[in-house]
Amino acid sequence: MQCRPTLYSVSQLPTQFIEIGSYGGFAGTTTSSYILPNGQQFMTSGTIGSPLTSNEIVPVTVKVYKAMCSRLDAIRFNQLSGNEEGNMTYFVRRKTNKLDHKVQWSSMDSGPPELVSFYNDALTTIKPQAIN
């Protein structure tokens, strides 16, 4: 008998995940990508105040998720602060069993440099093609 890994949905996320996103701008758009420990990824998008569309997107490997967590640990993400909003707001959120921490900034020039670098690198890792 084989064990099947638990599969999640955007409405039933696990207790641990990384969320990367942005919102605002002239059109009031919002986009979030959720990276889960099992490699699953989800993307939600839409207009602020309206129902969001959600899709499961191309997964990453467990190794990629762990590397992202290690990088957040290396930059001491849990000790970073920032709750700046602007015309366009960017954010990284990490949820663990013990902590739910979010840092947001309004310009790629005003965010913590190591976190902005993580954000940009993560966006190149995320493949937004829906698989469902």
Protein backbone atom coordinates (compact mmCIF):
# COMPACT_ATOMS: atom_id res chain seq x y z
CA MET A 1 0.00 0.00 0.00
CA GLN A 2 1.37 3.42 -0.98
CA CYS A 3 0.95 6.57 1.03
CA ARG A 4 -0.45 9.44 -1.00
CA PRO A 5 0.76 12.92 -0.18
CA THR A 6 -1.83 15.34 1.12
CA LEU A 7 -3.05 17.68 -1.57
CA TYR A 8 -4.35 21.10 -0.61
CA SER A 9 -6.52 23.79 -2.13
CA VAL A 10 -6.31 27.55 -1.88
CA SER A 11 -9.31 27.45 0.48
CA GLN A 12 -7.64 24.79 2.63
CA LEU A 13 -3.98 25.67 2.96
CA PRO A 14 -1.62 23.78 5.26
CA THR A 15 -0.31 25.33 8.47
CA GLN A 16 2.96 26.24 6.72
CA PHE A 17 3.43 28.15 3.47
CA ILE A 18 5.08 31.14 1.81
CA GLU A 19 2.92 33.79 0.18
CA ILE A 20 4.34 36.34 -2.25
CA GLY A 21 2.24 39.04 -3.82
CA SER A 22 1.33 42.58 -4.70
CA TYR A 23 -1.73 44.80 -4.79
CA GLY A 24 -2.80 48.28 -5.77
CA GLY A 25 -2.03 50.35 -8.80
CA PHE A 26 -4.43 52.30 -10.97
CA ALA A 27 -6.60 49.24 -11.65
CA GLY A 28 -6.58 48.03 -8.04
CA THR A 29 -5.33 44.56 -8.87
CA THR A 30 -4.16 41.95 -6.42
CA THR A 31 -2.04 38.86 -7.05
CA SER A 32 -0.79 36.28 -4.55
CA SER A 33 1.24 33.13 -5.05
CA TYR A 34 1.26 30.46 -2.36
CA ILE A 35 4.15 28.00 -2.22
CA LEU A 36 3.47 24.94 -0.06
CA PRO A 37 5.90 22.50 1.61
CA ASN A 38 4.77 19.65 -0.67
CA GLY A 39 5.63 21.76 -3.75
CA GLN A 40 2.08 22.67 -4.68
CA GLN A 41 1.56 26.26 -5.77
CA PHE A 42 -1.56 28.37 -6.09
CA MET A 43 -2.12 31.78 -7.59
CA THR A 44 -5.00 34.11 -6.77
CA SER A 45 -5.67 37.28 -8.73
CA GLY A 46 -8.31 39.84 -9.40
CA THR A 47 -9.44 43.32 -8.50
CA ILE A 48 -9.53 44.51 -4.90
CA GLY A 49 -13.08 44.26 -3.60
CA SER A 50 -14.19 41.66 -6.17
CA PRO A 51 -14.09 37.86 -6.01
CA LEU A 52 -10.63 36.53 -6.80
CA THR A 53 -9.84 33.78 -9.27
CA SER A 54 -7.71 30.95 -7.93
CA ASN A 55 -5.72 28.35 -9.83
CA GLU A 56 -3.33 25.62 -8.94
CA ILE A 57 -0.19 26.35 -10.92
CA VAL A 58 2.89 24.37 -11.92
CA PRO A 59 4.43 22.89 -8.75
CA VAL A 60 7.99 23.30 -7.51
CA THR A 61 10.02 20.60 -5.84
CA VAL A 62 10.11 20.16 -2.09
CA LYS A 63 13.80 21.07 -2.36
CA VAL A 64 12.89 24.48 -3.86
CA TYR A 65 10.44 25.18 -1.02
CA LYS A 66 13.06 24.24 1.57
CA ALA A 67 15.66 26.44 -0.16
CA MET A 68 13.22 29.37 -0.05
CA CYS A 69 12.67 28.81 3.67
CA SER A 70 16.42 28.60 4.25
CA ARG A 71 16.93 31.86 2.41
CA LEU A 72 14.24 33.58 4.49
CA ASP A 73 15.96 32.23 7.62
CA ALA A 74 19.33 33.51 6.37
CA ILE A 75 18.00 37.06 5.97
CA ARG A 76 16.27 36.80 9.38
CA PHE A 77 12.87 37.37 7.79
CA ASN A 78 11.05 36.93 11.10
CA GLN A 79 12.98 39.93 12.47
CA LEU A 80 12.31 42.20 9.49
CA SER A 81 9.56 44.75 9.82
CA GLY A 82 7.63 46.77 7.32
CA ASN A 83 4.03 47.68 6.84
CA GLU A 84 4.36 50.34 4.18
CA GLU A 85 1.54 50.80 1.69
CA GLY A 86 1.69 52.82 -1.49
CA ASN A 87 0.20 53.04 -4.94
CA MET A 88 1.61 49.55 -5.49
CA THR A 89 2.35 47.38 -2.46
CA TYR A 90 4.55 44.26 -2.51
CA PHE A 91 4.73 41.66 0.23
CA VAL A 92 6.17 38.40 1.49
CA ARG A 93 4.40 36.36 4.13
CA ARG A 94 5.65 33.23 5.84
CA LYS A 95 3.35 31.10 7.93
CA THR A 96 4.69 28.34 10.15
CA ASN A 97 3.23 26.33 12.99
CA LYS A 98 4.46 28.99 15.42
CA LEU A 99 4.45 32.24 13.46
CA ASP A 100 2.58 34.20 10.80
CA HIS A 101 4.82 37.07 9.66
CA LYS A 102 4.31 39.49 6.78
CA VAL A 103 6.51 42.33 5.51
CA GLN A 104 5.22 44.75 2.88
CA TRP A 105 6.73 47.72 1.09
CA SER A 106 5.60 50.27 -1.49
CA SER A 107 8.55 50.45 -3.86
CA MET A 108 11.34 48.13 -4.89
CA ASP A 109 13.65 50.91 -3.70
CA SER A 110 12.11 51.16 -0.22
CA GLY A 111 11.89 47.49 0.78
CA PRO A 112 14.59 45.62 2.68
CA PRO A 113 17.16 44.89 -0.08
CA GLU A 114 17.59 41.20 0.81
CA LEU A 115 13.81 40.71 0.84
CA VAL A 116 13.31 42.55 -2.46
CA SER A 117 15.96 40.25 -3.96
CA PHE A 118 14.16 37.19 -2.52
CA TYR A 119 10.85 38.49 -3.92
CA ASN A 120 12.26 39.01 -7.42
CA ASP A 121 14.00 35.63 -7.42
CA ALA A 122 10.83 33.91 -6.21
CA LEU A 123 8.84 35.46 -9.04
CA THR A 124 11.23 33.89 -11.55
CA THR A 125 10.68 30.50 -9.86
CA ILE A 126 6.89 30.71 -9.96
CA LYS A 127 5.43 29.47 -13.24
CA PRO A 128 1.92 30.95 -13.42
CA GLN A 129 0.50 28.39 -15.87
CA ALA A 130 -2.66 26.88 -14.40
CA ILE A 131 -2.79 23.10 -14.17
CA ASN A 132 -6.47 22.82 -13.22
